[in-house]
Amino acid sequence: MNEKSANGILSSTIEKVRDLVDVNTIVGEPIKVDSAVTIIPISKVTYGFASGGSDFPSKTNAELFGGGGGAGVTISPIAFLVVNNGEVTIKHILSNDNAAERAVSMMPDMIDKITGAVEKFKKDE
């Protein structure tokens, strides 16, 4: 792709961001603490990019183009998945930012409590 066009600058910028961020950036490498415990870091990746350009009028047949592009990436560790004897728990580093994140993080505990209540109810019958 011709980099001397707005489309070329945008494509180049997106490709550079793609090179920076992959799945290993979000879900980190597992860390074995001992034979029963493994810790997996989880990160939040936020990125943005912008580019633009313009063709300039010329008295000759020369193509005159000016443009630029840029990108920014923020990687923030947000939690750890802890696998302990086959049971997985999530340990948040920071408090939840919004209601949706709070609801998702509460799901495993809610399912455990509902399952326990149903099993207790079945035993009582």
C-alpha atoms as a PDB file:
ATOM      1  CA  MET A   1       0.000   0.000   0.000  1.00  0.00           C
ATOM      2  CA  ASN A   2       1.247   3.478  -0.848  1.00  0.00           C
ATOM      3  CA  GLU A   3       2.112   5.144   2.456  1.00  0.00           C
ATOM      4  CA  LYS A   4       1.705   8.569   0.838  1.00  0.00           C
ATOM      5  CA  SER A   5      -2.061   8.516   1.196  1.00  0.00           C
ATOM      6  CA  ALA A   6      -4.492   8.872   4.090  1.00  0.00           C
ATOM      7  CA  ASN A   7      -5.518   5.239   3.598  1.00  0.00           C
ATOM      8  CA  GLY A   8      -1.868   4.130   3.637  1.00  0.00           C
ATOM      9  CA  ILE A   9      -1.150   6.029   6.849  1.00  0.00           C
ATOM     10  CA  LEU A  10      -4.254   4.565   8.520  1.00  0.00           C
ATOM     11  CA  SER A  11      -3.358   1.029   7.427  1.00  0.00           C
ATOM     12  CA  SER A  12       0.204   1.421   8.670  1.00  0.00           C
ATOM     13  CA  THR A  13      -0.987   2.769  12.041  1.00  0.00           C
ATOM     14  CA  ILE A  14      -3.477  -0.090  12.523  1.00  0.00           C
ATOM     15  CA  GLU A  15      -0.802  -2.639  11.636  1.00  0.00           C
ATOM     16  CA  LYS A  16       1.590  -1.197  14.237  1.00  0.00           C
ATOM     17  CA  VAL A  17      -1.139  -1.331  16.940  1.00  0.00           C
ATOM     18  CA  ARG A  18      -1.929  -4.926  15.936  1.00  0.00           C
ATOM     19  CA  ASP A  19       1.749  -5.807  16.389  1.00  0.00           C
ATOM     20  CA  LEU A  20       1.707  -4.330  19.920  1.00  0.00           C
ATOM     21  CA  VAL A  21      -1.458  -5.991  21.202  1.00  0.00           C
ATOM     22  CA  ASP A  22      -2.158  -9.721  21.029  1.00  0.00           C
ATOM     23  CA  VAL A  23      -3.974 -12.237  23.222  1.00  0.00           C
ATOM     24  CA  ASN A  24      -0.836 -12.787  25.347  1.00  0.00           C
ATOM     25  CA  THR A  25      -1.026  -9.134  26.341  1.00  0.00           C
ATOM     26  CA  ILE A  26      -4.546  -9.592  27.753  1.00  0.00           C
ATOM     27  CA  VAL A  27      -4.240 -13.089  29.236  1.00  0.00           C
ATOM     28  CA  GLY A  28      -0.703 -13.430  30.539  1.00  0.00           C
ATOM     29  CA  GLU A  29       1.502 -16.470  30.844  1.00  0.00           C
ATOM     30  CA  PRO A  30       0.475 -18.829  33.696  1.00  0.00           C
ATOM     31  CA  ILE A  31       2.689 -18.675  36.767  1.00  0.00           C
ATOM     32  CA  LYS A  32       3.071 -21.981  38.663  1.00  0.00           C
ATOM     33  CA  VAL A  33       3.374 -21.272  42.393  1.00  0.00           C
ATOM     34  CA  ASP A  34       3.458 -24.941  43.365  1.00  0.00           C
ATOM     35  CA  SER A  35       1.934 -28.194  42.123  1.00  0.00           C
ATOM     36  CA  ALA A  36      -1.590 -27.129  43.196  1.00  0.00           C
ATOM     37  CA  VAL A  37      -1.640 -23.359  42.534  1.00  0.00           C
ATOM     38  CA  THR A  38      -1.355 -21.507  39.227  1.00  0.00           C
ATOM     39  CA  ILE A  39      -1.830 -17.752  38.791  1.00  0.00           C
ATOM     40  CA  ILE A  40      -2.816 -16.208  35.445  1.00  0.00           C
ATOM     41  CA  PRO A  41      -2.592 -12.399  35.099  1.00  0.00           C
ATOM     42  CA  ILE A  42      -5.396 -10.600  33.222  1.00  0.00           C
ATOM     43  CA  SER A  43      -4.961  -7.106  31.750  1.00  0.00           C
ATOM     44  CA  LYS A  44      -7.235  -4.533  30.178  1.00  0.00           C
ATOM     45  CA  VAL A  45      -5.990  -3.091  26.901  1.00  0.00           C
ATOM     46  CA  THR A  46      -7.273   0.237  25.615  1.00  0.00           C
ATOM     47  CA  TYR A  47      -6.070   1.682  22.361  1.00  0.00           C
ATOM     48  CA  GLY A  48      -6.876   4.490  19.995  1.00  0.00           C
ATOM     49  CA  PHE A  49      -5.488   5.792  16.786  1.00  0.00           C
ATOM     50  CA  ALA A  50      -5.904   8.687  14.410  1.00  0.00           C
ATOM     51  CA  SER A  51      -4.588   9.566  11.021  1.00  0.00           C
ATOM     52  CA  GLY A  52      -5.258  12.029   8.289  1.00  0.00           C
ATOM     53  CA  GLY A  53      -3.850  13.676   5.243  1.00  0.00           C
ATOM     54  CA  SER A  54      -4.491  15.994   2.390  1.00  0.00           C
ATOM     55  CA  ASP A  55      -3.505  16.385  -1.224  1.00  0.00           C
ATOM     56  CA  PHE A  56      -2.187  19.852  -1.980  1.00  0.00           C
ATOM     57  CA  PRO A  57      -2.770  21.712  -5.224  1.00  0.00           C
ATOM     58  CA  SER A  58       0.272  21.916  -7.454  1.00  0.00           C
ATOM     59  CA  LYS A  59       1.076  23.934 -10.561  1.00  0.00           C
ATOM     60  CA  THR A  60       3.051  20.957 -11.841  1.00  0.00           C
ATOM     61  CA  ASN A  61       1.978  17.358 -12.296  1.00  0.00           C
ATOM     62  CA  ALA A  62       3.758  16.399  -9.084  1.00  0.00           C
ATOM     63  CA  GLU A  63       1.590  14.780  -6.434  1.00  0.00           C
ATOM     64  CA  LEU A  64       1.913  16.674  -3.171  1.00  0.00           C
ATOM     65  CA  PHE A  65       0.612  14.973  -0.067  1.00  0.00           C
ATOM     66  CA  GLY A  66       0.909  15.794   3.620  1.00  0.00           C
ATOM     67  CA  GLY A  67      -0.326  13.590   6.425  1.00  0.00           C
ATOM     68  CA  GLY A  68       0.384  11.891   9.671  1.00  0.00           C
ATOM     69  CA  GLY A  69      -0.849   9.248  12.051  1.00  0.00           C
ATOM     70  CA  GLY A  70      -0.422   8.116  15.590  1.00  0.00           C
ATOM     71  CA  ALA A  71      -1.628   5.605  18.138  1.00  0.00           C
ATOM     72  CA  GLY A  72      -1.749   5.167  21.872  1.00  0.00           C
ATOM     73  CA  VAL A  73      -2.010   1.959  23.885  1.00  0.00           C
ATOM     74  CA  THR A  74      -2.708   1.573  27.605  1.00  0.00           C
ATOM     75  CA  ILE A  75      -2.230  -1.787  29.312  1.00  0.00           C
ATOM     76  CA  SER A  76      -3.604  -2.029  32.866  1.00  0.00           C
ATOM     77  CA  PRO A  77      -3.446  -5.161  35.026  1.00  0.00           C
ATOM     78  CA  ILE A  78      -6.960  -5.718  36.392  1.00  0.00           C
ATOM     79  CA  ALA A  79      -7.149  -9.208  37.898  1.00  0.00           C
ATOM     80  CA  PHE A  80      -5.601 -12.597  38.477  1.00  0.00           C
ATOM     81  CA  LEU A  81      -7.184 -15.973  37.819  1.00  0.00           C
ATOM     82  CA  VAL A  82      -6.109 -18.300  40.620  1.00  0.00           C
ATOM     83  CA  VAL A  83      -6.355 -22.030  39.954  1.00  0.00           C
ATOM     84  CA  ASN A  84      -6.081 -23.873  43.273  1.00  0.00           C
ATOM     85  CA  ASN A  85      -6.598 -27.648  43.233  1.00  0.00           C
ATOM     86  CA  GLY A  86      -8.828 -27.407  40.163  1.00  0.00           C
ATOM     87  CA  GLU A  87     -10.989 -24.556  41.495  1.00  0.00           C
ATOM     88  CA  VAL A  88     -10.775 -21.224  39.684  1.00  0.00           C
ATOM     89  CA  THR A  89     -11.299 -17.884  41.438  1.00  0.00           C
ATOM     90  CA  ILE A  90     -10.776 -14.359  40.202  1.00  0.00           C
ATOM     91  CA  LYS A  91      -8.979 -11.778  42.325  1.00  0.00           C
ATOM     92  CA  HIS A  92      -9.569  -8.205  41.172  1.00  0.00           C
ATOM     93  CA  ILE A  93      -6.775  -5.693  41.624  1.00  0.00           C
ATOM     94  CA  LEU A  94      -9.032  -2.630  41.519  1.00  0.00           C
ATOM     95  CA  SER A  95     -12.694  -2.130  42.265  1.00  0.00           C
ATOM     96  CA  ASN A  96     -15.099  -2.676  39.387  1.00  0.00           C
ATOM     97  CA  ASP A  97     -15.602   0.342  37.150  1.00  0.00           C
ATOM     98  CA  ASN A  98     -19.236  -0.209  36.291  1.00  0.00           C
ATOM     99  CA  ALA A  99     -22.309  -2.307  36.984  1.00  0.00           C
ATOM    100  CA  ALA A 100     -21.695  -4.705  34.074  1.00  0.00           C
ATOM    101  CA  GLU A 101     -18.189  -5.589  35.295  1.00  0.00           C
ATOM    102  CA  ARG A 102     -19.498  -5.967  38.841  1.00  0.00           C
ATOM    103  CA  ALA A 103     -22.270  -8.339  37.649  1.00  0.00           C
ATOM    104  CA  VAL A 104     -19.845 -10.474  35.629  1.00  0.00           C
ATOM    105  CA  SER A 105     -17.426 -10.769  38.545  1.00  0.00           C
ATOM    106  CA  MET A 106     -20.251 -11.814  40.897  1.00  0.00           C
ATOM    107  CA  MET A 107     -21.525 -14.628  38.634  1.00  0.00           C
ATOM    108  CA  PRO A 108     -19.264 -17.471  39.876  1.00  0.00           C
ATOM    109  CA  ASP A 109     -20.174 -16.799  43.523  1.00  0.00           C
ATOM    110  CA  MET A 110     -23.865 -16.495  42.681  1.00  0.00           C
ATOM    111  CA  ILE A 111     -23.839 -19.790  40.773  1.00  0.00           C
ATOM    112  CA  ASP A 112     -22.072 -21.524  43.679  1.00  0.00           C
ATOM    113  CA  LYS A 113     -24.643 -20.170  46.160  1.00  0.00           C
ATOM    114  CA  ILE A 114     -27.617 -21.139  43.969  1.00  0.00           C
ATOM    115  CA  THR A 115     -26.184 -24.618  43.391  1.00  0.00           C
ATOM    116  CA  GLY A 116     -25.625 -25.038  47.137  1.00  0.00           C
ATOM    117  CA  ALA A 117     -29.170 -23.886  47.918  1.00  0.00           C
ATOM    118  CA  VAL A 118     -30.693 -26.266  45.344  1.00  0.00           C
ATOM    119  CA  GLU A 119     -28.654 -29.199  46.657  1.00  0.00           C
ATOM    120  CA  LYS A 120     -29.704 -28.376  50.242  1.00  0.00           C
ATOM    121  CA  PHE A 121     -33.348 -28.120  49.158  1.00  0.00           C
ATOM    122  CA  LYS A 122     -33.126 -31.549  47.443  1.00  0.00           C
ATOM    123  CA  LYS A 123     -31.623 -33.093  50.595  1.00  0.00           C
ATOM    124  CA  ASP A 124     -34.382 -31.597  52.767  1.00  0.00           C
ATOM    125  CA  GLU A 125     -37.083 -33.156  50.586  1.00  0.00           C
END
